[in-house]
């Protein structure tokens, strides 16, 4: 499993020969100007919630690639009404896709489309693929529901928001890694704009002091599990 960071909360995940994008917000992020969305491959696009900084490039990429958009029922219906292929999910549900199993799990946040219309309830994803298990938290506060995840699955990586203000900050993300019983963390949802700028060295130090590994990738950088 190969995971690429495209800035903010945007990720590319390659499982075998299947390409997955998560929350593509790239053209609106000045920090991600080096990423050409027309060059990105996508068989599936996973959307955690409807905020613009998570869906901005969904339509452009899905139109070019014919990717299946996977999200909650309301977001899936929104894109289906525009002619896109979708797979609707809801909290607690899982589905076996060609690349592995995906479960839609709870997140505490809000979810509305840029025009203010209802975007369903926000969520995160637990993905099992290629004998690796990852948790993509989406935009969320720290929640006790995270403790349910390790009751069913052993994670290899937790991808957690760390920018604070709109989501968990560093200290809560450390607790979240305890809750999901995964000490290997990829941080995201930070530095895109002023409210969520972080001190990288301090963040890494805080995780290190708790015997945890916090990875902060450069935009376009990848890791392999």
Protein backbone atom coordinates (compact mmCIF):
# COMPACT_ATOMS: atom_id res chain seq x y z
CA UNK A 1 0.00 0.00 0.00
CA UNK A 2 1.40 3.36 -1.09
CA UNK A 3 0.09 6.59 0.44
CA UNK A 4 0.81 10.02 -1.07
CA UNK A 5 0.10 13.35 0.61
CA UNK A 6 -1.38 16.02 -1.69
CA UNK A 7 -1.71 18.71 0.94
CA UNK A 8 -4.37 19.62 3.52
CA UNK A 9 -6.49 16.45 3.89
CA UNK A 10 -5.94 15.16 0.35
CA UNK A 11 -4.41 11.73 -0.06
CA UNK A 12 -3.65 9.26 -2.80
CA UNK A 13 -3.69 5.58 -1.89
CA UNK A 14 -2.51 2.82 -4.22
CA UNK A 15 -3.57 -0.71 -3.33
CA UNK A 16 -2.17 -3.18 -5.84
CA UNK A 17 -3.17 -1.55 -9.14
CA UNK A 18 -6.16 0.39 -7.78
CA UNK A 19 -5.86 4.15 -7.27
CA UNK A 20 -7.89 5.86 -4.53
CA UNK A 21 -8.11 9.59 -3.83
CA UNK A 22 -9.35 10.94 -0.53
CA UNK A 23 -10.88 14.42 -0.12
CA UNK A 24 -9.24 16.07 -3.15
CA UNK A 25 -8.78 19.76 -2.37
CA UNK A 26 -5.76 20.67 -4.45
CA UNK A 27 -6.43 23.51 -6.92
CA UNK A 28 -7.64 25.72 -4.07
CA UNK A 29 -4.54 25.11 -1.95
CA UNK A 30 -1.64 27.41 -2.80
CA UNK A 31 0.73 25.07 -0.99
CA UNK A 32 -0.17 22.28 -3.46
CA UNK A 33 0.48 24.28 -6.65
CA UNK A 34 3.02 21.66 -7.75
CA UNK A 35 0.30 19.00 -8.03
CA UNK A 36 -1.44 18.68 -11.40
CA UNK A 37 -4.89 17.20 -10.85
CA UNK A 38 -5.06 16.24 -14.53
CA UNK A 39 -2.17 13.84 -13.93
CA UNK A 40 -3.74 12.10 -10.92
CA UNK A 41 -5.10 8.58 -11.34
CA UNK A 42 -8.35 7.68 -9.61
CA UNK A 43 -10.52 4.59 -9.66
CA UNK A 44 -12.30 5.65 -6.46
CA UNK A 45 -12.69 8.98 -4.65
CA UNK A 46 -13.47 8.76 -0.93
CA UNK A 47 -15.11 11.81 0.61
CA UNK A 48 -15.31 12.21 4.39
CA UNK A 49 -17.70 15.18 4.38
CA UNK A 50 -19.06 17.97 2.18
CA UNK A 51 -16.95 21.00 3.12
CA UNK A 52 -15.32 22.75 0.17
CA UNK A 53 -11.80 22.04 1.44
CA UNK A 54 -12.56 18.33 0.94
CA UNK A 55 -14.63 18.22 -2.26
CA UNK A 56 -13.33 21.06 -4.44
CA UNK A 57 -11.71 18.87 -7.10
CA UNK A 58 -14.01 15.84 -6.88
CA UNK A 59 -16.07 16.65 -9.97
CA UNK A 60 -13.14 17.57 -12.22
CA UNK A 61 -11.24 14.41 -11.34
CA UNK A 62 -14.27 12.11 -11.44
CA UNK A 63 -15.35 13.50 -14.83
CA UNK A 64 -11.93 12.76 -16.33
CA UNK A 65 -11.31 9.38 -14.68
CA UNK A 66 -14.86 7.99 -14.25
CA UNK A 67 -13.93 7.27 -10.63
CA UNK A 68 -16.58 5.95 -8.27
CA UNK A 69 -17.33 8.48 -5.51
CA UNK A 70 -17.69 6.81 -2.10
CA UNK A 71 -19.22 8.79 0.73
CA UNK A 72 -22.20 9.13 3.01
CA UNK A 73 -25.70 8.78 1.55
CA UNK A 74 -26.34 12.51 1.13
CA UNK A 75 -23.00 13.28 -0.54
CA UNK A 76 -23.32 10.26 -2.82
CA UNK A 77 -26.82 11.38 -3.85
CA UNK A 78 -25.51 14.89 -4.52
CA UNK A 79 -22.91 13.64 -6.97
CA UNK A 80 -25.16 10.96 -8.46
CA UNK A 81 -27.68 13.68 -9.36
CA UNK A 82 -24.91 15.26 -11.43
CA UNK A 83 -24.34 12.07 -13.36
CA UNK A 84 -21.39 10.59 -11.46
CA UNK A 85 -21.12 6.97 -10.39
CA UNK A 86 -21.30 6.69 -6.62
CA UNK A 87 -21.38 4.21 -3.78
CA UNK A 88 -23.37 5.48 -0.76
CA UNK A 89 -22.44 4.44 2.78
CA UNK A 90 -23.39 5.35 6.33
CA UNK A 91 -21.91 5.06 9.79
CA UNK A 92 -20.97 1.57 10.90
CA UNK A 93 -21.43 0.12 7.43
CA UNK A 94 -18.71 -1.60 5.47
CA UNK A 95 -18.29 -2.84 1.91
CA UNK A 96 -15.85 -5.11 0.11
CA UNK A 97 -14.46 -3.21 -2.87
CA UNK A 98 -12.00 -4.64 -5.39
CA UNK A 99 -9.09 -3.21 -3.41
CA UNK A 100 -10.28 -4.27 0.06
CA UNK A 101 -12.82 -3.52 2.74
CA UNK A 102 -13.94 0.02 3.63
CA UNK A 103 -15.85 0.92 6.78
CA UNK A 104 -17.43 4.32 7.31
CA UNK A 105 -16.88 5.35 10.94
CA UNK A 106 -17.95 8.21 13.18
CA UNK A 107 -16.44 11.67 13.18
CA UNK A 108 -17.45 14.73 15.19
CA UNK A 109 -17.51 17.76 12.91
CA UNK A 110 -20.01 19.48 10.60
CA UNK A 111 -20.83 18.80 6.95
CA UNK A 112 -22.42 21.15 4.45
CA UNK A 113 -21.84 21.91 0.79
CA UNK A 114 -20.39 25.30 -0.21
CA UNK A 115 -23.91 26.59 -0.93
CA UNK A 116 -24.95 25.72 2.63
CA UNK A 117 -27.06 22.68 1.71
CA UNK A 118 -27.00 19.60 3.92
CA UNK A 119 -24.03 17.28 3.45
CA UNK A 120 -25.06 14.48 5.78
CA UNK A 121 -23.05 13.53 8.82
CA UNK A 122 -19.23 13.57 8.61
CA UNK A 123 -17.22 10.40 8.90
CA UNK A 124 -13.89 8.68 8.56
CA UNK A 125 -12.76 5.51 6.83
CA UNK A 126 -11.08 2.33 7.98
CA UNK A 127 -9.51 0.64 4.98
CA UNK A 128 -8.23 -2.92 4.88
CA UNK A 129 -6.23 -3.63 1.76
CA UNK A 130 -3.12 -5.51 0.68
CA UNK A 131 -2.81 -6.95 4.21
CA UNK A 132 -2.48 -3.42 5.63
CA UNK A 133 -5.04 -1.55 7.74
CA UNK A 134 -5.33 2.22 7.93
CA UNK A 135 -7.67 4.68 9.62
CA UNK A 136 -8.43 7.99 7.91
CA UNK A 137 -10.09 10.07 10.61
CA UNK A 138 -11.39 12.92 8.44
CA UNK A 139 -12.09 16.21 10.16
CA UNK A 140 -12.97 15.28 13.70
CA UNK A 141 -12.72 16.09 17.35
CA UNK A 142 -11.34 13.50 19.71
CA UNK A 143 -14.13 11.01 20.35
CA UNK A 144 -14.52 7.92 22.50
CA UNK A 145 -15.91 6.14 19.44
CA UNK A 146 -12.32 5.79 18.27
CA UNK A 147 -11.89 3.13 20.95
CA UNK A 148 -14.24 0.87 19.00
CA UNK A 149 -11.82 0.56 16.07
CA UNK A 150 -9.12 -1.63 17.71
CA UNK A 151 -11.82 -3.95 19.04
CA UNK A 152 -12.25 -5.14 15.45
CA UNK A 153 -9.03 -4.41 13.62
CA UNK A 154 -5.32 -3.87 14.25
CA UNK A 155 -4.16 -0.71 12.52
CA UNK A 156 -0.86 -0.24 10.73
CA UNK A 157 -1.32 3.53 10.36
CA UNK A 158 -3.63 6.23 11.74
CA UNK A 159 -4.09 9.36 9.61
CA UNK A 160 -5.20 12.11 11.97
CA UNK A 161 -5.95 15.83 11.70
CA UNK A 162 -3.53 17.85 13.83
CA UNK A 163 -4.11 21.49 12.90
CA UNK A 164 -6.41 22.35 15.83
CA UNK A 165 -9.13 25.06 15.75
CA UNK A 166 -11.44 23.16 13.33
CA UNK A 167 -10.32 19.65 14.34
CA UNK A 168 -8.17 17.89 16.91
CA UNK A 169 -4.87 19.48 17.74
CA UNK A 170 -1.60 17.76 18.59
CA UNK A 171 -2.43 16.80 22.17
CA UNK A 172 -5.81 15.34 21.27
CA UNK A 173 -4.28 13.50 18.32
CA UNK A 174 -1.86 11.83 20.72
CA UNK A 175 -4.84 10.66 22.77
CA UNK A 176 -6.57 9.54 19.57
CA UNK A 177 -3.59 7.36 18.72
CA UNK A 178 -3.96 5.79 22.17
CA UNK A 179 -7.66 5.22 21.57
CA UNK A 180 -7.09 3.49 18.20
CA UNK A 181 -4.02 1.68 19.58
CA UNK A 182 -1.72 2.80 16.77
CA UNK A 183 1.55 4.59 17.49
CA UNK A 184 2.37 5.24 13.82
CA UNK A 185 0.59 8.44 12.79
CA UNK A 186 0.45 10.46 9.60
CA UNK A 187 -0.59 14.00 10.36
CA UNK A 188 -2.80 15.99 8.01
CA UNK A 189 -5.18 18.99 7.93
CA UNK A 190 -2.52 21.50 9.00
CA UNK A 191 -0.65 24.56 7.61
CA UNK A 192 -3.12 25.23 4.75
CA UNK A 193 -4.22 28.55 6.23
CA UNK A 194 -3.56 30.65 9.30
CA UNK A 195 -5.98 29.01 11.71
CA UNK A 196 -4.27 25.62 11.41
CA UNK A 197 -0.57 26.41 11.16
CA UNK A 198 1.55 24.27 13.48
CA UNK A 199 5.09 24.07 14.82
CA UNK A 200 6.40 20.93 13.11
CA UNK A 201 9.28 20.26 15.46
CA UNK A 202 7.16 20.71 18.57
CA UNK A 203 4.50 18.39 17.16
CA UNK A 204 7.05 15.67 16.40
CA UNK A 205 8.64 16.11 19.82
CA UNK A 206 5.33 15.70 21.62
CA UNK A 207 4.64 12.46 19.78
CA UNK A 208 8.21 11.25 20.33
CA UNK A 209 7.94 11.93 24.07
CA UNK A 210 4.98 9.52 24.12
CA UNK A 211 6.95 6.86 22.19
CA UNK A 212 4.97 7.55 19.03
CA UNK A 213 6.01 8.31 15.45
CA UNK A 214 4.43 11.37 13.81
CA UNK A 215 5.09 11.69 10.08
CA UNK A 216 4.65 15.06 8.39
CA UNK A 217 5.10 14.52 4.66
CA UNK A 218 6.00 17.13 2.09
CA UNK A 219 3.26 17.68 -0.47
CA UNK A 220 3.72 15.05 -3.15
CA UNK A 221 5.76 12.80 -0.84
CA UNK A 222 4.79 9.15 -0.36
CA UNK A 223 5.22 6.35 2.14
CA UNK A 224 4.81 2.62 1.67
CA UNK A 225 3.31 0.26 4.19
